[in-house]
Amino acid sequence: MPIVKYPRAREPLYYEWDRRAQKCGLRHTVYAVNGDQYTGEWLDNLKHGKGTQIWKSTGAIYSGDWKFGKQDGYGSYSVPDPVTKEYKRVYTGWWKNGQKTGQGVSFYPNGERYEGEWSDGVRGGWGRMYYLDGSSYEGQWEADQPNGQGMLRLPNGNRYEGGWKDGKKHGPGRYFYVDKGQLLEGTWAEDIAKCGVLVDFGRDKAPAPTQYPIPKIELADPAGVLAEAQALLDDSGN
């Protein structure tokens, strides 16, 4: 009796192609249509785990943790210098859902630097900012501006300690004129001292004291003042 062989049923080729296209686990460099490239781990077709992304349009590079397609965890973001083409760090620290969140350090093109906390991609929480002119601010931040309590140090040693609002001195505070040996303690509004008391302190060691010291206010004896007033009343009655 002749043996009849039936061809083995095979699934369409596009099933196999589809399985190969599903990215999961560690993969070699994968190129996007726009030229971006990613090398690292995947989960369900999304960047997930450790990986490095390079954006073709800017040349920027991110290397670190990913979660469901977005930067999440610890990572570093760098951009190439337009002249030397060498990579310069822009931010190193923690991320969440594609935004700088948590502790991190940011390096600005003009040489300034921020170290501290971030919230939804901007400075928020506690942090320290080093400015180009040599001054520095250390304290609370909100919405990318000094807000709350903080201290500003100037290159000549003078400093302000007190309240801040939207990046300006606001509320009770103290301004130490270390170069003159004086202290202003009062209240500020939008960077302007509205009222306060100016006193000398450490004047003998100040590098550039004012010509004349601030005279001390001698408070009168309340009991003596009352006695003098009573005597005047008695004399007027006679």
C-alpha atoms as a PDB file:
ATOM      1  CA  MET A   1       0.000   0.000   0.000  1.00  0.00           C
ATOM      2  CA  PRO A   2       1.514   3.300  -0.992  1.00  0.00           C
ATOM      3  CA  ILE A   3       2.424   5.765   1.758  1.00  0.00           C
ATOM      4  CA  VAL A   4       0.979   9.213   1.329  1.00  0.00           C
ATOM      5  CA  LYS A   5       2.982  12.061   2.814  1.00  0.00           C
ATOM      6  CA  TYR A   6       1.112  15.213   3.643  1.00  0.00           C
ATOM      7  CA  PRO A   7       3.081  18.479   3.842  1.00  0.00           C
ATOM      8  CA  ARG A   8       3.686  19.685   7.373  1.00  0.00           C
ATOM      9  CA  ALA A   9       1.515  22.643   8.263  1.00  0.00           C
ATOM     10  CA  ARG A  10       3.570  25.724   8.777  1.00  0.00           C
ATOM     11  CA  GLU A  11       2.528  29.046  10.212  1.00  0.00           C
ATOM     12  CA  PRO A  12       2.850  32.111   8.021  1.00  0.00           C
ATOM     13  CA  LEU A  13       6.251  33.753   7.961  1.00  0.00           C
ATOM     14  CA  TYR A  14       4.950  37.000   9.387  1.00  0.00           C
ATOM     15  CA  TYR A  15       4.304  35.190  12.681  1.00  0.00           C
ATOM     16  CA  GLU A  16       8.030  34.543  12.986  1.00  0.00           C
ATOM     17  CA  TRP A  17       8.878  38.070  11.909  1.00  0.00           C
ATOM     18  CA  ASP A  18       6.531  39.446  14.530  1.00  0.00           C
ATOM     19  CA  ARG A  19       8.132  37.363  17.282  1.00  0.00           C
ATOM     20  CA  ARG A  20      11.574  38.592  16.284  1.00  0.00           C
ATOM     21  CA  ALA A  21      10.347  42.183  16.313  1.00  0.00           C
ATOM     22  CA  GLN A  22       9.114  41.889  19.905  1.00  0.00           C
ATOM     23  CA  LYS A  23      12.032  43.255  21.907  1.00  0.00           C
ATOM     24  CA  CYS A  24      12.551  41.740  25.343  1.00  0.00           C
ATOM     25  CA  GLY A  25      15.735  41.309  27.366  1.00  0.00           C
ATOM     26  CA  LEU A  26      19.201  42.497  26.367  1.00  0.00           C
ATOM     27  CA  ARG A  27      19.495  43.578  22.737  1.00  0.00           C
ATOM     28  CA  HIS A  28      22.168  45.015  20.540  1.00  0.00           C
ATOM     29  CA  THR A  29      21.788  48.522  19.167  1.00  0.00           C
ATOM     30  CA  VAL A  30      18.305  49.196  17.829  1.00  0.00           C
ATOM     31  CA  TYR A  31      17.843  52.101  15.423  1.00  0.00           C
ATOM     32  CA  ALA A  32      14.665  54.131  15.224  1.00  0.00           C
ATOM     33  CA  VAL A  33      13.284  55.533  11.962  1.00  0.00           C
ATOM     34  CA  ASN A  34      14.496  59.057  12.882  1.00  0.00           C
ATOM     35  CA  GLY A  35      18.050  57.813  13.468  1.00  0.00           C
ATOM     36  CA  ASP A  36      17.970  57.598  17.283  1.00  0.00           C
ATOM     37  CA  GLN A  37      19.695  54.531  18.666  1.00  0.00           C
ATOM     38  CA  TYR A  38      19.359  52.533  21.877  1.00  0.00           C
ATOM     39  CA  THR A  39      21.511  49.758  23.281  1.00  0.00           C
ATOM     40  CA  GLY A  40      20.388  47.880  26.353  1.00  0.00           C
ATOM     41  CA  GLU A  41      17.552  46.010  27.990  1.00  0.00           C
ATOM     42  CA  TRP A  42      13.910  45.821  26.900  1.00  0.00           C
ATOM     43  CA  LEU A  43      10.613  44.624  28.289  1.00  0.00           C
ATOM     44  CA  ASP A  44       7.506  44.231  26.147  1.00  0.00           C
ATOM     45  CA  ASN A  45       8.981  46.403  23.393  1.00  0.00           C
ATOM     46  CA  LEU A  46       9.854  49.197  25.850  1.00  0.00           C
ATOM     47  CA  LYS A  47      13.259  50.312  27.122  1.00  0.00           C
ATOM     48  CA  HIS A  48      13.431  48.787  30.583  1.00  0.00           C
ATOM     49  CA  GLY A  49      16.507  48.164  32.742  1.00  0.00           C
ATOM     50  CA  LYS A  50      19.998  49.384  31.914  1.00  0.00           C
ATOM     51  CA  GLY A  51      20.577  51.111  28.605  1.00  0.00           C
ATOM     52  CA  THR A  52      22.089  53.926  26.571  1.00  0.00           C
ATOM     53  CA  GLN A  53      20.159  56.214  24.227  1.00  0.00           C
ATOM     54  CA  ILE A  54      21.669  58.545  21.619  1.00  0.00           C
ATOM     55  CA  TRP A  55      19.510  61.183  19.958  1.00  0.00           C
ATOM     56  CA  LYS A  56      20.554  61.827  16.359  1.00  0.00           C
ATOM     57  CA  SER A  57      19.145  65.385  16.128  1.00  0.00           C
ATOM     58  CA  THR A  58      21.165  66.764  19.077  1.00  0.00           C
ATOM     59  CA  GLY A  59      23.832  64.131  19.652  1.00  0.00           C
ATOM     60  CA  ALA A  60      22.754  64.002  23.308  1.00  0.00           C
ATOM     61  CA  ILE A  61      23.328  60.771  25.190  1.00  0.00           C
ATOM     62  CA  TYR A  62      21.664  59.261  28.250  1.00  0.00           C
ATOM     63  CA  SER A  63      23.120  56.266  30.019  1.00  0.00           C
ATOM     64  CA  GLY A  64      21.437  54.712  33.021  1.00  0.00           C
ATOM     65  CA  ASP A  65      18.191  53.192  34.234  1.00  0.00           C
ATOM     66  CA  TRP A  66      14.955  52.933  32.241  1.00  0.00           C
ATOM     67  CA  LYS A  67      11.441  51.952  33.206  1.00  0.00           C
ATOM     68  CA  PHE A  68       8.709  51.298  30.650  1.00  0.00           C
ATOM     69  CA  GLY A  69      10.314  53.483  28.004  1.00  0.00           C
ATOM     70  CA  LYS A  70      11.369  56.457  30.139  1.00  0.00           C
ATOM     71  CA  GLN A  71      14.397  57.442  32.201  1.00  0.00           C
ATOM     72  CA  ASP A  72      13.713  56.177  35.700  1.00  0.00           C
ATOM     73  CA  GLY A  73      16.337  55.504  38.362  1.00  0.00           C
ATOM     74  CA  TYR A  74      19.933  56.706  38.263  1.00  0.00           C
ATOM     75  CA  GLY A  75      21.493  58.033  35.085  1.00  0.00           C
ATOM     76  CA  SER A  76      23.678  60.601  33.361  1.00  0.00           C
ATOM     77  CA  TYR A  77      22.744  62.964  30.523  1.00  0.00           C
ATOM     78  CA  SER A  78      25.426  64.594  28.346  1.00  0.00           C
ATOM     79  CA  VAL A  79      25.591  66.724  25.213  1.00  0.00           C
ATOM     80  CA  PRO A  80      28.451  67.277  22.743  1.00  0.00           C
ATOM     81  CA  ASP A  81      30.360  70.545  22.772  1.00  0.00           C
ATOM     82  CA  PRO A  82      29.525  72.465  19.551  1.00  0.00           C
ATOM     83  CA  VAL A  83      33.214  73.249  18.955  1.00  0.00           C
ATOM     84  CA  THR A  84      35.279  70.364  20.339  1.00  0.00           C
ATOM     85  CA  LYS A  85      32.520  67.746  19.907  1.00  0.00           C
ATOM     86  CA  GLU A  86      33.555  66.295  23.259  1.00  0.00           C
ATOM     87  CA  TYR A  87      30.745  65.226  25.539  1.00  0.00           C
ATOM     88  CA  LYS A  88      29.981  67.421  28.539  1.00  0.00           C
ATOM     89  CA  ARG A  89      27.814  66.329  31.425  1.00  0.00           C
ATOM     90  CA  VAL A  90      24.570  68.206  31.849  1.00  0.00           C
ATOM     91  CA  TYR A  91      22.996  66.218  34.664  1.00  0.00           C
ATOM     92  CA  THR A  92      23.912  63.240  36.805  1.00  0.00           C
ATOM     93  CA  GLY A  93      21.478  61.910  39.364  1.00  0.00           C
ATOM     94  CA  TRP A  94      18.042  60.428  39.861  1.00  0.00           C
ATOM     95  CA  TRP A  95      15.129  60.369  37.432  1.00  0.00           C
ATOM     96  CA  LYS A  96      11.463  59.473  37.578  1.00  0.00           C
ATOM     97  CA  ASN A  97       9.090  59.090  34.653  1.00  0.00           C
ATOM     98  CA  GLY A  98      11.523  60.849  32.319  1.00  0.00           C
ATOM     99  CA  GLN A  99      12.102  63.868  34.607  1.00  0.00           C
ATOM    100  CA  LYS A 100      14.927  64.838  36.965  1.00  0.00           C
ATOM    101  CA  THR A 101      13.546  63.964  40.406  1.00  0.00           C
ATOM    102  CA  GLY A 102      15.445  63.457  43.664  1.00  0.00           C
ATOM    103  CA  GLN A 103      19.122  64.120  44.315  1.00  0.00           C
ATOM    104  CA  GLY A 104      21.263  65.238  41.404  1.00  0.00           C
ATOM    105  CA  VAL A 105      23.965  67.547  40.076  1.00  0.00           C
ATOM    106  CA  SER A 106      23.414  69.832  37.084  1.00  0.00           C
ATOM    107  CA  PHE A 107      26.185  71.534  35.111  1.00  0.00           C
ATOM    108  CA  TYR A 108      25.293  74.679  33.160  1.00  0.00           C
ATOM    109  CA  PRO A 109      27.027  75.853  29.948  1.00  0.00           C
ATOM    110  CA  ASN A 110      28.336  79.061  31.595  1.00  0.00           C
ATOM    111  CA  GLY A 111      30.139  77.105  34.328  1.00  0.00           C
ATOM    112  CA  GLU A 112      27.497  77.376  37.057  1.00  0.00           C
ATOM    113  CA  ARG A 113      26.535  74.279  39.043  1.00  0.00           C
ATOM    114  CA  TYR A 114      23.602  73.106  41.151  1.00  0.00           C
ATOM    115  CA  GLU A 115      23.753  70.308  43.700  1.00  0.00           C
ATOM    116  CA  GLY A 116      20.621  69.194  45.469  1.00  0.00           C
ATOM    117  CA  GLU A 117      17.053  68.069  45.066  1.00  0.00           C
ATOM    118  CA  TRP A 118      14.847  68.143  41.973  1.00  0.00           C
ATOM    119  CA  SER A 119      11.113  67.895  41.468  1.00  0.00           C
ATOM    120  CA  ASP A 120       9.474  67.175  38.090  1.00  0.00           C
ATOM    121  CA  GLY A 121      12.528  68.311  36.151  1.00  0.00           C
ATOM    122  CA  VAL A 122      13.230  71.589  38.004  1.00  0.00           C
ATOM    123  CA  ARG A 123      15.054  72.564  41.188  1.00  0.00           C
ATOM    124  CA  GLY A 124      12.825  71.845  44.164  1.00  0.00           C
ATOM    125  CA  GLY A 125      13.602  70.994  47.796  1.00  0.00           C
ATOM    126  CA  TRP A 126      17.004  71.683  49.343  1.00  0.00           C
ATOM    127  CA  GLY A 127      19.992  72.579  47.218  1.00  0.00           C
ATOM    128  CA  ARG A 128      23.159  74.592  46.705  1.00  0.00           C
ATOM    129  CA  MET A 129      23.787  76.773  43.631  1.00  0.00           C
ATOM    130  CA  TYR A 130      27.224  78.033  42.608  1.00  0.00           C
ATOM    131  CA  TYR A 131      27.007  81.130  40.393  1.00  0.00           C
ATOM    132  CA  LEU A 132      29.423  82.421  37.790  1.00  0.00           C
ATOM    133  CA  ASP A 133      30.339  85.563  39.778  1.00  0.00           C
ATOM    134  CA  GLY A 134      31.588  83.487  42.721  1.00  0.00           C
ATOM    135  CA  SER A 135      28.498  83.813  44.896  1.00  0.00           C
ATOM    136  CA  SER A 136      26.494  80.835  46.150  1.00  0.00           C
ATOM    137  CA  TYR A 137      23.027  80.146  47.507  1.00  0.00           C
ATOM    138  CA  GLU A 138      22.210  77.338  49.898  1.00  0.00           C
ATOM    139  CA  GLY A 139      18.691  76.638  51.067  1.00  0.00           C
ATOM    140  CA  GLN A 140      15.181  75.813  49.952  1.00  0.00           C
ATOM    141  CA  TRP A 141      13.959  75.815  46.345  1.00  0.00           C
ATOM    142  CA  GLU A 142      10.551  75.690  44.719  1.00  0.00           C
ATOM    143  CA  ALA A 143       9.586  75.956  41.037  1.00  0.00           C
ATOM    144  CA  ASP A 144      13.269  76.395  40.058  1.00  0.00           C
ATOM    145  CA  GLN A 145      13.693  79.496  42.302  1.00  0.00           C
ATOM    146  CA  PRO A 146      14.928  80.119  45.868  1.00  0.00           C
ATOM    147  CA  ASN A 147      11.809  79.923  48.020  1.00  0.00           C
ATOM    148  CA  GLY A 148      11.687  79.551  51.791  1.00  0.00           C
ATOM    149  CA  GLN A 149      14.736  79.857  54.018  1.00  0.00           C
ATOM    150  CA  GLY A 150      18.214  80.188  52.587  1.00  0.00           C
ATOM    151  CA  MET A 151      21.616  81.831  52.714  1.00  0.00           C
ATOM    152  CA  LEU A 152      23.321  83.835  49.954  1.00  0.00           C
ATOM    153  CA  ARG A 153      27.099  84.258  50.132  1.00  0.00           C
ATOM    154  CA  LEU A 154      28.804  86.938  48.042  1.00  0.00           C
ATOM    155  CA  PRO A 155      32.412  86.808  46.768  1.00  0.00           C
ATOM    156  CA  ASN A 156      33.511  89.528  49.257  1.00  0.00           C
ATOM    157  CA  GLY A 157      32.284  87.475  52.225  1.00  0.00           C
ATOM    158  CA  ASN A 158      29.045  89.367  52.832  1.00  0.00           C
ATOM    159  CA  ARG A 159      25.992  87.154  53.273  1.00  0.00           C
ATOM    160  CA  TYR A 160      22.246  87.231  53.702  1.00  0.00           C
ATOM    161  CA  GLU A 161      20.359  84.747  55.855  1.00  0.00           C
ATOM    162  CA  GLY A 162      16.580  84.698  55.862  1.00  0.00           C
ATOM    163  CA  GLY A 163      13.435  84.370  53.800  1.00  0.00           C
ATOM    164  CA  TRP A 164      13.127  84.121  50.032  1.00  0.00           C
ATOM    165  CA  LYS A 165      10.265  84.276  47.563  1.00  0.00           C
ATOM    166  CA  ASP A 166      10.495  83.716  43.805  1.00  0.00           C
ATOM    167  CA  GLY A 167      14.266  84.138  43.862  1.00  0.00           C
ATOM    168  CA  LYS A 168      14.270  87.395  45.853  1.00  0.00           C
ATOM    169  CA  LYS A 169      14.906  88.270  49.500  1.00  0.00           C
ATOM    170  CA  HIS A 170      11.525  88.392  51.161  1.00  0.00           C
ATOM    171  CA  GLY A 171      10.534  88.341  54.823  1.00  0.00           C
ATOM    172  CA  PRO A 172      12.601  88.506  58.027  1.00  0.00           C
ATOM    173  CA  GLY A 173      16.325  88.244  57.511  1.00  0.00           C
ATOM    174  CA  ARG A 174      19.832  89.326  58.451  1.00  0.00           C
ATOM    175  CA  TYR A 175      22.447  90.848  56.161  1.00  0.00           C
ATOM    176  CA  PHE A 176      26.040  90.591  57.366  1.00  0.00           C
ATOM    177  CA  TYR A 177      28.305  93.304  55.927  1.00  0.00           C
ATOM    178  CA  VAL A 178      31.478  91.445  56.831  1.00  0.00           C
ATOM    179  CA  ASP A 179      33.622  93.903  54.887  1.00  0.00           C
ATOM    180  CA  LYS A 180      32.337  96.816  57.018  1.00  0.00           C
ATOM    181  CA  GLY A 181      31.730  94.959  60.276  1.00  0.00           C
ATOM    182  CA  GLN A 182      28.017  95.760  60.327  1.00  0.00           C
ATOM    183  CA  LEU A 183      24.806  93.779  60.604  1.00  0.00           C
ATOM    184  CA  LEU A 184      21.392  94.750  59.275  1.00  0.00           C
ATOM    185  CA  GLU A 185      18.526  92.828  60.825  1.00  0.00           C
ATOM    186  CA  GLY A 186      15.059  93.510  59.499  1.00  0.00           C
ATOM    187  CA  THR A 187      12.431  92.708  56.904  1.00  0.00           C
ATOM    188  CA  TRP A 188      12.791  92.473  53.106  1.00  0.00           C
ATOM    189  CA  ALA A 189      10.228  92.657  50.308  1.00  0.00           C
ATOM    190  CA  GLU A 190      11.191  91.741  46.722  1.00  0.00           C
ATOM    191  CA  ASP A 191      14.926  92.120  47.391  1.00  0.00           C
ATOM    192  CA  ILE A 192      14.572  95.505  49.138  1.00  0.00           C
ATOM    193  CA  ALA A 193      15.140  96.054  52.872  1.00  0.00           C
ATOM    194  CA  LYS A 194      12.004  97.802  54.118  1.00  0.00           C
ATOM    195  CA  CYS A 195      12.884  98.252  57.779  1.00  0.00           C
ATOM    196  CA  GLY A 196      15.476  97.087  60.258  1.00  0.00           C
ATOM    197  CA  VAL A 197      18.246  97.860  62.716  1.00  0.00           C
ATOM    198  CA  LEU A 198      21.858  98.396  61.668  1.00  0.00           C
ATOM    199  CA  VAL A 199      24.541  97.715  64.280  1.00  0.00           C
ATOM    200  CA  ASP A 200      28.324  97.379  64.383  1.00  0.00           C
ATOM    201  CA  PHE A 201      29.873  93.952  64.976  1.00  0.00           C
ATOM    202  CA  GLY A 202      33.504  92.950  64.621  1.00  0.00           C
ATOM    203  CA  ARG A 203      34.300  96.441  63.424  1.00  0.00           C
ATOM    204  CA  ASP A 204      37.886  96.309  64.670  1.00  0.00           C
ATOM    205  CA  LYS A 205      38.617  93.324  62.376  1.00  0.00           C
ATOM    206  CA  ALA A 206      36.628  94.462  59.318  1.00  0.00           C
ATOM    207  CA  PRO A 207      38.742  95.065  56.183  1.00  0.00           C
ATOM    208  CA  ALA A 208      36.880  98.233  55.130  1.00  0.00           C
ATOM    209  CA  PRO A 209      34.904  99.721  58.054  1.00  0.00           C
ATOM    210  CA  THR A 210      32.898 102.932  57.646  1.00  0.00           C
ATOM    211  CA  GLN A 211      34.552 106.159  58.846  1.00  0.00           C
ATOM    212  CA  TYR A 212      32.298 106.612  61.840  1.00  0.00           C
ATOM    213  CA  PRO A 213      30.919 103.862  64.078  1.00  0.00           C
ATOM    214  CA  ILE A 214      27.190 103.569  64.648  1.00  0.00           C
ATOM    215  CA  PRO A 215      26.412 105.215  67.997  1.00  0.00           C
ATOM    216  CA  LYS A 216      24.928 102.959  70.611  1.00  0.00           C
ATOM    217  CA  ILE A 217      21.452 103.769  71.850  1.00  0.00           C
ATOM    218  CA  GLU A 218      21.336 104.083  75.614  1.00  0.00           C
ATOM    219  CA  LEU A 219      17.961 103.157  76.997  1.00  0.00           C
ATOM    220  CA  ALA A 220      16.726 105.324  79.830  1.00  0.00           C
ATOM    221  CA  ASP A 221      15.860 103.839  83.209  1.00  0.00           C
ATOM    222  CA  PRO A 222      12.044 103.532  83.234  1.00  0.00           C
ATOM    223  CA  ALA A 223      11.895 104.114  86.983  1.00  0.00           C
ATOM    224  CA  GLY A 224      14.012 107.246  86.704  1.00  0.00           C
ATOM    225  CA  VAL A 225      11.864 108.598  83.876  1.00  0.00           C
ATOM    226  CA  LEU A 226       8.720 108.113  85.930  1.00  0.00           C
ATOM    227  CA  ALA A 227      10.295 109.825  88.911  1.00  0.00           C
ATOM    228  CA  GLU A 228      11.288 112.853  86.828  1.00  0.00           C
ATOM    229  CA  ALA A 229       7.806 113.036  85.328  1.00  0.00           C
ATOM    230  CA  GLN A 230       6.211 112.915  88.771  1.00  0.00           C
ATOM    231  CA  ALA A 231       8.525 115.669  90.005  1.00  0.00           C
ATOM    232  CA  LEU A 232       7.549 117.875  87.088  1.00  0.00           C
ATOM    233  CA  LEU A 233       3.880 117.315  87.840  1.00  0.00           C
ATOM    234  CA  ASP A 234       4.404 118.170  91.479  1.00  0.00           C
ATOM    235  CA  ASP A 235       6.241 121.384  90.576  1.00  0.00           C
ATOM    236  CA  SER A 236       3.509 122.413  88.161  1.00  0.00           C
ATOM    237  CA  GLY A 237       0.899 121.825  90.862  1.00  0.00           C
ATOM    238  CA  ASN A 238       2.644 124.188  93.242  1.00  0.00           C
END
